[in-house]
C-alpha atoms as a PDB file:
ATOM      1  CA  MET A   1     -22.449   9.543 -10.290  1.00  0.00           C
ATOM      2  CA  GLU A   2     -19.423  10.452 -12.382  1.00  0.00           C
ATOM      3  CA  GLU A   3     -16.354  11.655 -10.533  1.00  0.00           C
ATOM      4  CA  ALA A   4     -14.487  14.656 -11.909  1.00  0.00           C
ATOM      5  CA  GLY A   5     -10.880  14.059 -12.823  1.00  0.00           C
ATOM      6  CA  VAL A   6     -11.073  10.266 -13.110  1.00  0.00           C
ATOM      7  CA  PRO A   7      -8.010   9.043 -15.048  1.00  0.00           C
ATOM      8  CA  ARG A   8      -8.965   7.129 -18.172  1.00  0.00           C
ATOM      9  CA  PHE A   9      -6.618   5.362 -20.546  1.00  0.00           C
ATOM     10  CA  LEU A  10      -6.942   3.606 -23.896  1.00  0.00           C
ATOM     11  CA  PHE A  11      -3.842   1.442 -24.313  1.00  0.00           C
ATOM     12  CA  VAL A  12      -2.572   0.855 -27.856  1.00  0.00           C
ATOM     13  CA  ASP A  13       0.457  -1.413 -28.241  1.00  0.00           C
ATOM     14  CA  PHE A  14       1.988   0.388 -31.206  1.00  0.00           C
ATOM     15  CA  PRO A  15       5.406   1.898 -31.863  1.00  0.00           C
ATOM     16  CA  LEU A  16       5.785   5.356 -30.357  1.00  0.00           C
ATOM     17  CA  GLY A  17       4.620   8.072 -32.690  1.00  0.00           C
ATOM     18  CA  ASN A  18       1.638   6.021 -33.869  1.00  0.00           C
ATOM     19  CA  PRO A  19      -0.948   6.429 -31.078  1.00  0.00           C
ATOM     20  CA  MET A  20      -3.857   6.433 -33.515  1.00  0.00           C
ATOM     21  CA  GLY A  21      -2.805   3.437 -35.582  1.00  0.00           C
ATOM     22  CA  LYS A  22      -1.006   2.767 -38.808  1.00  0.00           C
ATOM     23  CA  PRO A  23      -0.438   5.726 -41.114  1.00  0.00           C
ATOM     24  CA  GLY A  24      -3.064   5.753 -43.855  1.00  0.00           C
ATOM     25  CA  ASP A  25      -5.358   3.219 -42.131  1.00  0.00           C
ATOM     26  CA  LEU A  26      -8.356   5.521 -41.758  1.00  0.00           C
ATOM     27  CA  GLY A  27     -10.668   2.748 -40.545  1.00  0.00           C
ATOM     28  CA  MET A  28      -8.359   1.810 -37.670  1.00  0.00           C
ATOM     29  CA  GLN A  29      -7.811   5.462 -36.792  1.00  0.00           C
ATOM     30  CA  GLN A  30     -11.550   6.180 -36.684  1.00  0.00           C
ATOM     31  CA  GLU A  31     -12.201   3.096 -34.546  1.00  0.00           C
ATOM     32  CA  LEU A  32      -9.446   4.038 -32.086  1.00  0.00           C
ATOM     33  CA  CYS A  33     -10.853   7.560 -31.810  1.00  0.00           C
ATOM     34  CA  SER A  34     -14.311   6.110 -31.174  1.00  0.00           C
ATOM     35  CA  LEU A  35     -12.930   3.728 -28.531  1.00  0.00           C
ATOM     36  CA  ALA A  36     -11.104   6.593 -26.795  1.00  0.00           C
ATOM     37  CA  LEU A  37     -14.299   8.636 -26.659  1.00  0.00           C
ATOM     38  CA  ASP A  38     -16.190   5.627 -25.273  1.00  0.00           C
ATOM     39  CA  VAL A  39     -13.586   5.237 -22.519  1.00  0.00           C
ATOM     40  CA  LEU A  40     -13.877   8.937 -21.739  1.00  0.00           C
ATOM     41  CA  GLU A  41     -17.647   8.698 -21.501  1.00  0.00           C
ATOM     42  CA  ARG A  42     -18.031   5.378 -19.675  1.00  0.00           C
ATOM     43  CA  ALA A  43     -15.044   4.992 -17.368  1.00  0.00           C
ATOM     44  CA  HIS A  44     -16.139   6.076 -13.911  1.00  0.00           C
ATOM     45  CA  ALA A  45     -13.597   4.308 -11.707  1.00  0.00           C
ATOM     46  CA  PRO A  46     -10.052   5.545 -11.073  1.00  0.00           C
ATOM     47  CA  ARG A  47      -7.331   4.061 -13.281  1.00  0.00           C
ATOM     48  CA  SER A  48      -9.818   2.832 -15.859  1.00  0.00           C
ATOM     49  CA  THR A  49      -7.813   1.210 -18.654  1.00  0.00           C
ATOM     50  CA  VAL A  50      -9.080  -0.356 -21.858  1.00  0.00           C
ATOM     51  CA  GLN A  51      -6.777  -2.179 -24.258  1.00  0.00           C
ATOM     52  CA  ALA A  52      -7.452  -1.539 -27.930  1.00  0.00           C
ATOM     53  CA  PRO A  53      -8.255  -4.700 -29.902  1.00  0.00           C
ATOM     54  CA  TYR A  54      -5.614  -3.917 -32.529  1.00  0.00           C
ATOM     55  CA  GLY A  55      -2.036  -5.018 -32.974  1.00  0.00           C
ATOM     56  CA  TRP A  56       0.674  -3.645 -35.219  1.00  0.00           C
ATOM     57  CA  GLY A  57       0.712  -6.933 -37.137  1.00  0.00           C
ATOM     58  CA  SER A  58       4.247  -7.928 -36.230  1.00  0.00           C
ATOM     59  CA  ASP A  59       6.404  -7.512 -33.151  1.00  0.00           C
ATOM     60  CA  GLU A  60       9.484  -6.957 -35.319  1.00  0.00           C
ATOM     61  CA  TRP A  61       9.315  -3.231 -34.538  1.00  0.00           C
ATOM     62  CA  ARG A  62      10.138  -3.917 -30.881  1.00  0.00           C
ATOM     63  CA  ALA A  63      13.582  -5.380 -31.613  1.00  0.00           C
ATOM     64  CA  ASN A  64      14.375  -2.638 -34.115  1.00  0.00           C
ATOM     65  CA  TYR A  65      12.856   0.287 -32.259  1.00  0.00           C
ATOM     66  CA  MET A  66      15.306   3.179 -31.907  1.00  0.00           C
ATOM     67  CA  VAL A  67      18.204   1.214 -33.419  1.00  0.00           C
ATOM     68  CA  VAL A  68      20.406   3.406 -35.588  1.00  0.00           C
ATOM     69  CA  ASP A  69      23.743   1.957 -36.581  1.00  0.00           C
ATOM     70  CA  ASP A  70      25.903   1.359 -39.631  1.00  0.00           C
ATOM     71  CA  THR A  71      23.577  -1.423 -40.825  1.00  0.00           C
ATOM     72  CA  ASN A  72      20.587   0.881 -41.298  1.00  0.00           C
ATOM     73  CA  ARG A  73      21.828   4.475 -41.302  1.00  0.00           C
ATOM     74  CA  VAL A  74      21.523   4.966 -45.095  1.00  0.00           C
ATOM     75  CA  GLU A  75      18.101   3.280 -45.206  1.00  0.00           C
ATOM     76  CA  LEU A  76      16.783   5.435 -42.337  1.00  0.00           C
ATOM     77  CA  ALA A  77      18.111   8.613 -43.951  1.00  0.00           C
ATOM     78  CA  ALA A  78      16.371   7.703 -47.208  1.00  0.00           C
ATOM     79  CA  ALA A  79      13.130   6.888 -45.381  1.00  0.00           C
ATOM     80  CA  GLY A  80      13.297  10.252 -43.598  1.00  0.00           C
ATOM     81  CA  ALA A  81      13.834  12.078 -46.874  1.00  0.00           C
ATOM     82  CA  THR A  82      10.879  10.247 -48.427  1.00  0.00           C
ATOM     83  CA  ARG A  83       8.675  11.072 -45.425  1.00  0.00           C
ATOM     84  CA  ARG A  84       9.616  14.759 -45.538  1.00  0.00           C
ATOM     85  CA  ALA A  85       8.868  14.859 -49.289  1.00  0.00           C
ATOM     86  CA  GLU A  86       5.466  13.212 -48.698  1.00  0.00           C
ATOM     87  CA  GLN A  87       4.651  15.702 -45.947  1.00  0.00           C
ATOM     88  CA  GLN A  88       5.614  18.616 -48.185  1.00  0.00           C
ATOM     89  CA  ALA A  89       3.496  17.223 -51.032  1.00  0.00           C
ATOM     90  CA  ALA A  90       0.538  16.862 -48.648  1.00  0.00           C
ATOM     91  CA  LYS A  91       0.906  20.499 -47.584  1.00  0.00           C
ATOM     92  CA  THR A  92       1.194  21.638 -51.180  1.00  0.00           C
ATOM     93  CA  ASP A  93      -1.903  19.637 -52.167  1.00  0.00           C
ATOM     94  CA  GLY A  94      -3.880  20.925 -49.191  1.00  0.00           C
ATOM     95  CA  ARG A  95      -4.057  17.482 -47.536  1.00  0.00           C
ATOM     96  CA  ALA A  96      -2.227  18.613 -44.411  1.00  0.00           C
ATOM     97  CA  ARG A  97      -2.344  21.675 -42.237  1.00  0.00           C
ATOM     98  CA  ALA A  98       0.339  24.270 -42.756  1.00  0.00           C
ATOM     99  CA  ASP A  99       2.816  24.991 -39.964  1.00  0.00           C
END
């Protein structure tokens, strides 16, 4: 018998902001979505946790996560500008939802 309100959790060890995998990796994103739905359907015990079988590929992101200083400020600003331009292009092309 399934209990209502049983906490379920699919753990992905990715940088924050990437809960569904690497940007543009549709296969990984679909698999993670499928795994999450499986956990939702099959986890009947409290605190059910499943770890996703994916890694980010390198742990380099951990050491650099949230570091903004004079060594990377210009690079991060350029990356942000590129990301905003890509998002705007996706909206213009109809590949992303409008705000």
